[in-house]
């Protein structure tokens, strides 16, 4: 929800709705191809995404990364 612009006294909010269901985009890919490689820098925990996307990986790897505070 975005409020009205600060230079205006007219209340004209904008409500933005987004579908964040990854299965909508990935289901056709899993149906079309036998092998799919998924990568992400932010997907965690991996097991939860396997359940959400309704697939059973043959190989699954997760790597921890430690960044110095000044790199964040």
PDB file of N, CA and C in Angstrom:
ATOM      1  N   UNK A   1       0.845  -1.163   0.000  1.00  0.00           N
ATOM      2  CA  UNK A   1       0.000   0.000   0.000  1.00  0.00           C
ATOM      3  C   UNK A   1       0.891   1.226   0.000  1.00  0.00           C
ATOM      4  N   UNK A   2       0.739   2.064  -0.984  1.00  0.00           N
ATOM      5  CA  UNK A   2       1.535   3.282  -1.071  1.00  0.00           C
ATOM      6  C   UNK A   2       0.662   4.476  -0.693  1.00  0.00           C
ATOM      7  N   UNK A   3       1.118   5.312   0.229  1.00  0.00           N
ATOM      8  CA  UNK A   3       0.322   6.487   0.593  1.00  0.00           C
ATOM      9  C   UNK A   3       0.384   7.540  -0.502  1.00  0.00           C
ATOM     10  N   UNK A   4      -0.380   8.576  -0.322  1.00  0.00           N
ATOM     11  CA  UNK A   4      -0.371   9.654  -1.305  1.00  0.00           C
ATOM     12  C   UNK A   4       0.986  10.352  -1.286  1.00  0.00           C
ATOM     13  N   UNK A   5       1.367  10.970  -2.390  1.00  0.00           N
ATOM     14  CA  UNK A   5       2.656  11.677  -2.443  1.00  0.00           C
ATOM     15  C   UNK A   5       2.725  12.778  -1.390  1.00  0.00           C
ATOM     16  N   UNK A   6       3.901  13.044  -0.894  1.00  0.00           N
ATOM     17  CA  UNK A   6       4.068  14.033   0.180  1.00  0.00           C
ATOM     18  C   UNK A   6       3.704  15.449  -0.263  1.00  0.00           C
ATOM     19  N   UNK A   7       3.779  15.740  -1.548  1.00  0.00           N
ATOM     20  CA  UNK A   7       3.453  17.085  -2.021  1.00  0.00           C
ATOM     21  C   UNK A   7       1.968  17.242  -2.351  1.00  0.00           C
ATOM     22  N   UNK A   8       1.162  16.214  -2.101  1.00  0.00           N
ATOM     23  CA  UNK A   8      -0.261  16.255  -2.419  1.00  0.00           C
ATOM     24  C   UNK A   8      -1.076  15.940  -1.180  1.00  0.00           C
ATOM     25  N   UNK A   9      -2.225  16.564  -1.049  1.00  0.00           N
ATOM     26  CA  UNK A   9      -3.130  16.290   0.058  1.00  0.00           C
ATOM     27  C   UNK A   9      -4.281  15.382  -0.378  1.00  0.00           C
ATOM     28  N   UNK A  10      -4.211  14.885  -1.605  1.00  0.00           N
ATOM     29  CA  UNK A  10      -5.252  14.006  -2.119  1.00  0.00           C
ATOM     30  C   UNK A  10      -4.889  12.573  -1.775  1.00  0.00           C
ATOM     31  N   UNK A  11      -5.804  11.911  -1.075  1.00  0.00           N
ATOM     32  CA  UNK A  11      -5.551  10.530  -0.693  1.00  0.00           C
ATOM     33  C   UNK A  11      -5.924   9.629  -1.863  1.00  0.00           C
ATOM     34  N   UNK A  12      -4.912   9.069  -2.516  1.00  0.00           N
ATOM     35  CA  UNK A  12      -5.119   8.214  -3.677  1.00  0.00           C
ATOM     36  C   UNK A  12      -4.171   7.024  -3.567  1.00  0.00           C
ATOM     37  N   UNK A  13      -4.480   6.104  -2.627  1.00  0.00           N
ATOM     38  CA  UNK A  13      -3.549   4.986  -2.401  1.00  0.00           C
ATOM     39  C   UNK A  13      -3.538   4.007  -3.565  1.00  0.00           C
ATOM     40  N   UNK A  14      -2.430   3.295  -3.682  1.00  0.00           N
ATOM     41  CA  UNK A  14      -2.270   2.259  -4.693  1.00  0.00           C
ATOM     42  C   UNK A  14      -2.031   0.953  -3.953  1.00  0.00           C
ATOM     43  N   UNK A  15      -2.849  -0.037  -4.240  1.00  0.00           N
ATOM     44  CA  UNK A  15      -2.690  -1.356  -3.642  1.00  0.00           C
ATOM     45  C   UNK A  15      -2.123  -2.274  -4.711  1.00  0.00           C
ATOM     46  N   UNK A  16      -0.949  -2.830  -4.448  1.00  0.00           N
ATOM     47  CA  UNK A  16      -0.316  -3.731  -5.403  1.00  0.00           C
ATOM     48  C   UNK A  16      -0.373  -5.141  -4.855  1.00  0.00           C
ATOM     49  N   UNK A  17      -0.896  -6.055  -5.667  1.00  0.00           N
ATOM     50  CA  UNK A  17      -0.997  -7.452  -5.282  1.00  0.00           C
ATOM     51  C   UNK A  17      -0.119  -8.266  -6.224  1.00  0.00           C
ATOM     52  N   UNK A  18       0.716  -9.129  -5.645  1.00  0.00           N
ATOM     53  CA  UNK A  18       1.610  -9.965  -6.436  1.00  0.00           C
ATOM     54  C   UNK A  18       1.437 -11.418  -6.038  1.00  0.00           C
ATOM     55  N   UNK A  19       1.462 -12.279  -7.016  1.00  0.00           N
ATOM     56  CA  UNK A  19       1.423 -13.717  -6.747  1.00  0.00           C
ATOM     57  C   UNK A  19       2.856 -14.192  -6.557  1.00  0.00           C
ATOM     58  N   UNK A  20       3.154 -14.720  -5.397  1.00  0.00           N
ATOM     59  CA  UNK A  20       4.504 -15.178  -5.090  1.00  0.00           C
ATOM     60  C   UNK A  20       4.596 -16.697  -5.072  1.00  0.00           C
ATOM     61  N   UNK A  21       3.656 -17.364  -5.710  1.00  0.00           N
ATOM     62  CA  UNK A  21       3.626 -18.821  -5.764  1.00  0.00           C
ATOM     63  C   UNK A  21       4.536 -19.306  -6.884  1.00  0.00           C
ATOM     64  N   UNK A  22       5.686 -19.842  -6.523  1.00  0.00           N
ATOM     65  CA  UNK A  22       6.668 -20.284  -7.517  1.00  0.00           C
ATOM     66  C   UNK A  22       6.188 -21.484  -8.321  1.00  0.00           C
ATOM     67  N   UNK A  23       5.212 -22.228  -7.809  1.00  0.00           N
ATOM     68  CA  UNK A  23       4.739 -23.407  -8.536  1.00  0.00           C
ATOM     69  C   UNK A  23       4.089 -23.034  -9.857  1.00  0.00           C
ATOM     70  N   UNK A  24       3.532 -21.845  -9.956  1.00  0.00           N
ATOM     71  CA  UNK A  24       2.894 -21.412 -11.204  1.00  0.00           C
ATOM     72  C   UNK A  24       3.917 -21.376 -12.342  1.00  0.00           C
ATOM     73  N   UNK A  25       5.117 -20.926 -12.056  1.00  0.00           N
ATOM     74  CA  UNK A  25       6.153 -20.830 -13.080  1.00  0.00           C
ATOM     75  C   UNK A  25       6.930 -22.131 -13.251  1.00  0.00           C
ATOM     76  N   UNK A  26       7.121 -22.878 -12.175  1.00  0.00           N
ATOM     77  CA  UNK A  26       7.971 -24.060 -12.264  1.00  0.00           C
ATOM     78  C   UNK A  26       7.240 -25.333 -12.675  1.00  0.00           C
ATOM     79  N   UNK A  27       5.963 -25.434 -12.410  1.00  0.00           N
ATOM     80  CA  UNK A  27       5.240 -26.660 -12.739  1.00  0.00           C
ATOM     81  C   UNK A  27       5.345 -27.028 -14.222  1.00  0.00           C
ATOM     82  N   UNK A  28       5.133 -26.090 -15.156  1.00  0.00           N
ATOM     83  CA  UNK A  28       5.286 -26.444 -16.570  1.00  0.00           C
ATOM     84  C   UNK A  28       6.714 -26.881 -16.922  1.00  0.00           C
ATOM     85  N   UNK A  29       7.698 -26.323 -16.247  1.00  0.00           N
ATOM     86  CA  UNK A  29       9.096 -26.700 -16.501  1.00  0.00           C
ATOM     87  C   UNK A  29       9.328 -28.142 -16.052  1.00  0.00           C
ATOM     88  N   UNK A  30       8.842 -28.493 -14.857  1.00  0.00           N
ATOM     89  CA  UNK A  30       9.003 -29.862 -14.355  1.00  0.00           C
ATOM     90  C   UNK A  30       8.247 -30.861 -15.215  1.00  0.00           C
ATOM     91  N   UNK A  31       7.123 -30.453 -15.785  1.00  0.00           N
ATOM     92  CA  UNK A  31       6.351 -31.351 -16.642  1.00  0.00           C
ATOM     93  C   UNK A  31       7.017 -31.561 -18.000  1.00  0.00           C
ATOM     94  N   UNK A  32       7.707 -30.555 -18.499  1.00  0.00           N
ATOM     95  CA  UNK A  32       8.293 -30.619 -19.832  1.00  0.00           C
ATOM     96  C   UNK A  32       9.669 -31.297 -19.866  1.00  0.00           C
ATOM     97  N   UNK A  33      10.462 -31.108 -18.814  1.00  0.00           N
ATOM     98  CA  UNK A  33      11.844 -31.593 -18.821  1.00  0.00           C
ATOM     99  C   UNK A  33      12.070 -32.663 -17.766  1.00  0.00           C
ATOM    100  N   UNK A  34      12.921 -33.625 -18.095  1.00  0.00           N
ATOM    101  CA  UNK A  34      13.269 -34.683 -17.139  1.00  0.00           C
ATOM    102  C   UNK A  34      14.248 -34.202 -16.086  1.00  0.00           C
ATOM    103  N   UNK A  35      15.177 -33.349 -16.489  1.00  0.00           N
ATOM    104  CA  UNK A  35      16.202 -32.849 -15.580  1.00  0.00           C
ATOM    105  C   UNK A  35      16.118 -31.336 -15.495  1.00  0.00           C
ATOM    106  N   UNK A  36      16.050 -30.846 -14.267  1.00  0.00           N
ATOM    107  CA  UNK A  36      15.968 -29.408 -14.029  1.00  0.00           C
ATOM    108  C   UNK A  36      16.973 -29.059 -12.938  1.00  0.00           C
ATOM    109  N   UNK A  37      17.739 -28.015 -13.170  1.00  0.00           N
ATOM    110  CA  UNK A  37      18.698 -27.541 -12.167  1.00  0.00           C
ATOM    111  C   UNK A  37      18.175 -26.226 -11.620  1.00  0.00           C
ATOM    112  N   UNK A  38      17.971 -26.190 -10.311  1.00  0.00           N
ATOM    113  CA  UNK A  38      17.516 -24.977  -9.641  1.00  0.00           C
ATOM    114  C   UNK A  38      18.668 -24.421  -8.818  1.00  0.00           C
ATOM    115  N   UNK A  39      18.895 -23.140  -8.937  1.00  0.00           N
ATOM    116  CA  UNK A  39      19.923 -22.498  -8.126  1.00  0.00           C
ATOM    117  C   UNK A  39      19.361 -21.217  -7.551  1.00  0.00           C
ATOM    118  N   UNK A  40      19.857 -20.836  -6.394  1.00  0.00           N
ATOM    119  CA  UNK A  40      19.441 -19.589  -5.779  1.00  0.00           C
ATOM    120  C   UNK A  40      20.442 -19.208  -4.710  1.00  0.00           C
ATOM    121  N   UNK A  41      20.582 -17.946  -4.519  1.00  0.00           N
ATOM    122  CA  UNK A  41      21.444 -17.460  -3.454  1.00  0.00           C
ATOM    123  C   UNK A  41      20.674 -17.206  -2.172  1.00  0.00           C
ATOM    124  N   UNK A  42      19.346 -17.315  -2.227  1.00  0.00           N
ATOM    125  CA  UNK A  42      18.541 -16.967  -1.059  1.00  0.00           C
ATOM    126  C   UNK A  42      17.568 -18.047  -0.613  1.00  0.00           C
ATOM    127  N   UNK A  43      17.454 -19.137  -1.355  1.00  0.00           N
ATOM    128  CA  UNK A  43      16.486 -20.173  -1.004  1.00  0.00           C
ATOM    129  C   UNK A  43      16.970 -20.937   0.229  1.00  0.00           C
ATOM    130  N   UNK A  44      16.231 -20.815   1.296  1.00  0.00           N
ATOM    131  CA  UNK A  44      16.584 -21.511   2.524  1.00  0.00           C
ATOM    132  C   UNK A  44      15.345 -21.584   3.410  1.00  0.00           C
ATOM    133  N   UNK A  45      15.046 -22.696   3.970  1.00  0.00           N
ATOM    134  CA  UNK A  45      15.676 -24.006   3.853  1.00  0.00           C
ATOM    135  C   UNK A  45      15.252 -24.717   2.571  1.00  0.00           C
ATOM    136  N   UNK A  46      16.154 -25.484   2.013  1.00  0.00           N
ATOM    137  CA  UNK A  46      15.899 -26.162   0.743  1.00  0.00           C
ATOM    138  C   UNK A  46      14.722 -27.126   0.818  1.00  0.00           C
ATOM    139  N   UNK A  47      14.593 -27.856   1.916  1.00  0.00           N
ATOM    140  CA  UNK A  47      13.536 -28.857   2.029  1.00  0.00           C
ATOM    141  C   UNK A  47      12.155 -28.245   1.878  1.00  0.00           C
ATOM    142  N   UNK A  48      11.975 -27.048   2.413  1.00  0.00           N
ATOM    143  CA  UNK A  48      10.678 -26.385   2.325  1.00  0.00           C
ATOM    144  C   UNK A  48      10.312 -26.097   0.869  1.00  0.00           C
ATOM    145  N   UNK A  49      11.280 -25.676   0.070  1.00  0.00           N
ATOM    146  CA  UNK A  49      11.001 -25.357  -1.328  1.00  0.00           C
ATOM    147  C   UNK A  49      10.703 -26.609  -2.141  1.00  0.00           C
ATOM    148  N   UNK A  50      11.308 -27.724  -1.780  1.00  0.00           N
ATOM    149  CA  UNK A  50      10.974 -28.985  -2.450  1.00  0.00           C
ATOM    150  C   UNK A  50       9.512 -29.334  -2.211  1.00  0.00           C
ATOM    151  N   UNK A  51       9.029 -29.118  -1.009  1.00  0.00           N
ATOM    152  CA  UNK A  51       7.629 -29.395  -0.695  1.00  0.00           C
ATOM    153  C   UNK A  51       6.712 -28.406  -1.408  1.00  0.00           C
ATOM    154  N   UNK A  52       7.055 -27.132  -1.382  1.00  0.00           N
ATOM    155  CA  UNK A  52       6.225 -26.105  -2.024  1.00  0.00           C
ATOM    156  C   UNK A  52       6.133 -26.349  -3.522  1.00  0.00           C
ATOM    157  N   UNK A  53       7.253 -26.672  -4.145  1.00  0.00           N
ATOM    158  CA  UNK A  53       7.283 -26.865  -5.597  1.00  0.00           C
ATOM    159  C   UNK A  53       6.863 -28.279  -5.999  1.00  0.00           C
ATOM    160  N   UNK A  54       6.613 -29.139  -5.023  1.00  0.00           N
ATOM    161  CA  UNK A  54       6.147 -30.508  -5.248  1.00  0.00           C
ATOM    162  C   UNK A  54       7.085 -31.295  -6.163  1.00  0.00           C
ATOM    163  N   UNK A  55       8.354 -31.346  -5.775  1.00  0.00           N
ATOM    164  CA  UNK A  55       9.303 -32.179  -6.511  1.00  0.00           C
ATOM    165  C   UNK A  55      10.244 -32.855  -5.529  1.00  0.00           C
ATOM    166  N   UNK A  56      10.864 -33.926  -5.976  1.00  0.00           N
ATOM    167  CA  UNK A  56      11.765 -34.714  -5.143  1.00  0.00           C
ATOM    168  C   UNK A  56      13.132 -34.738  -5.819  1.00  0.00           C
ATOM    169  N   UNK A  57      14.067 -33.924  -5.327  1.00  0.00           N
ATOM    170  CA  UNK A  57      15.376 -33.841  -5.981  1.00  0.00           C
ATOM    171  C   UNK A  57      16.182 -35.126  -5.832  1.00  0.00           C
ATOM    172  N   UNK A  58      16.930 -35.439  -6.870  1.00  0.00           N
ATOM    173  CA  UNK A  58      17.861 -36.575  -6.815  1.00  0.00           C
ATOM    174  C   UNK A  58      19.129 -36.173  -6.076  1.00  0.00           C
ATOM    175  N   UNK A  59      19.541 -34.922  -6.269  1.00  0.00           N
ATOM    176  CA  UNK A  59      20.723 -34.376  -5.607  1.00  0.00           C
ATOM    177  C   UNK A  59      20.358 -32.995  -5.088  1.00  0.00           C
ATOM    178  N   UNK A  60      20.724 -32.727  -3.861  1.00  0.00           N
ATOM    179  CA  UNK A  60      20.446 -31.416  -3.274  1.00  0.00           C
ATOM    180  C   UNK A  60      21.659 -30.995  -2.452  1.00  0.00           C
ATOM    181  N   UNK A  61      22.141 -29.797  -2.688  1.00  0.00           N
ATOM    182  CA  UNK A  61      23.310 -29.299  -1.966  1.00  0.00           C
ATOM    183  C   UNK A  61      23.029 -27.895  -1.439  1.00  0.00           C
ATOM    184  N   UNK A  62      23.506 -27.630  -0.241  1.00  0.00           N
ATOM    185  CA  UNK A  62      23.428 -26.297   0.344  1.00  0.00           C
ATOM    186  C   UNK A  62      24.811 -25.948   0.883  1.00  0.00           C
ATOM    187  N   UNK A  63      25.238 -24.749   0.632  1.00  0.00           N
ATOM    188  CA  UNK A  63      26.550 -24.304   1.069  1.00  0.00           C
ATOM    189  C   UNK A  63      26.398 -23.056   1.923  1.00  0.00           C
ATOM    190  N   UNK A  64      27.024 -23.069   3.088  1.00  0.00           N
ATOM    191  CA  UNK A  64      27.004 -21.895   3.954  1.00  0.00           C
ATOM    192  C   UNK A  64      27.972 -20.857   3.414  1.00  0.00           C
ATOM    193  N   UNK A  65      27.628 -19.617   3.616  1.00  0.00           N
ATOM    194  CA  UNK A  65      28.514 -18.536   3.205  1.00  0.00           C
ATOM    195  C   UNK A  65      28.614 -17.551   4.366  1.00  0.00           C
ATOM    196  N   UNK A  66      29.806 -17.111   4.623  1.00  0.00           N
ATOM    197  CA  UNK A  66      30.039 -16.148   5.682  1.00  0.00           C
ATOM    198  C   UNK A  66      30.664 -14.919   5.040  1.00  0.00           C
ATOM    199  N   UNK A  67      30.009 -13.795   5.198  1.00  0.00           N
ATOM    200  CA  UNK A  67      30.521 -12.535   4.653  1.00  0.00           C
ATOM    201  C   UNK A  67      30.954 -11.624   5.780  1.00  0.00           C
ATOM    202  N   UNK A  68      32.044 -10.925   5.591  1.00  0.00           N
ATOM    203  CA  UNK A  68      32.423  -9.943   6.620  1.00  0.00           C
ATOM    204  C   UNK A  68      31.365  -8.846   6.685  1.00  0.00           C
ATOM    205  N   UNK A  69      31.192  -8.276   7.851  1.00  0.00           N
ATOM    206  CA  UNK A  69      30.146  -7.290   8.074  1.00  0.00           C
ATOM    207  C   UNK A  69      30.191  -6.145   7.061  1.00  0.00           C
ATOM    208  N   UNK A  70      31.367  -5.701   6.644  1.00  0.00           N
ATOM    209  CA  UNK A  70      31.464  -4.584   5.720  1.00  0.00           C
ATOM    210  C   UNK A  70      31.063  -4.967   4.297  1.00  0.00           C
ATOM    211  N   UNK A  71      30.841  -6.257   4.028  1.00  0.00           N
ATOM    212  CA  UNK A  71      30.405  -6.693   2.702  1.00  0.00           C
ATOM    213  C   UNK A  71      28.899  -6.807   2.602  1.00  0.00           C
ATOM    214  N   UNK A  72      28.219  -6.653   3.718  1.00  0.00           N
ATOM    215  CA  UNK A  72      26.755  -6.800   3.705  1.00  0.00           C
ATOM    216  C   UNK A  72      26.100  -5.463   3.391  1.00  0.00           C
TER     217      UNK A  72
END
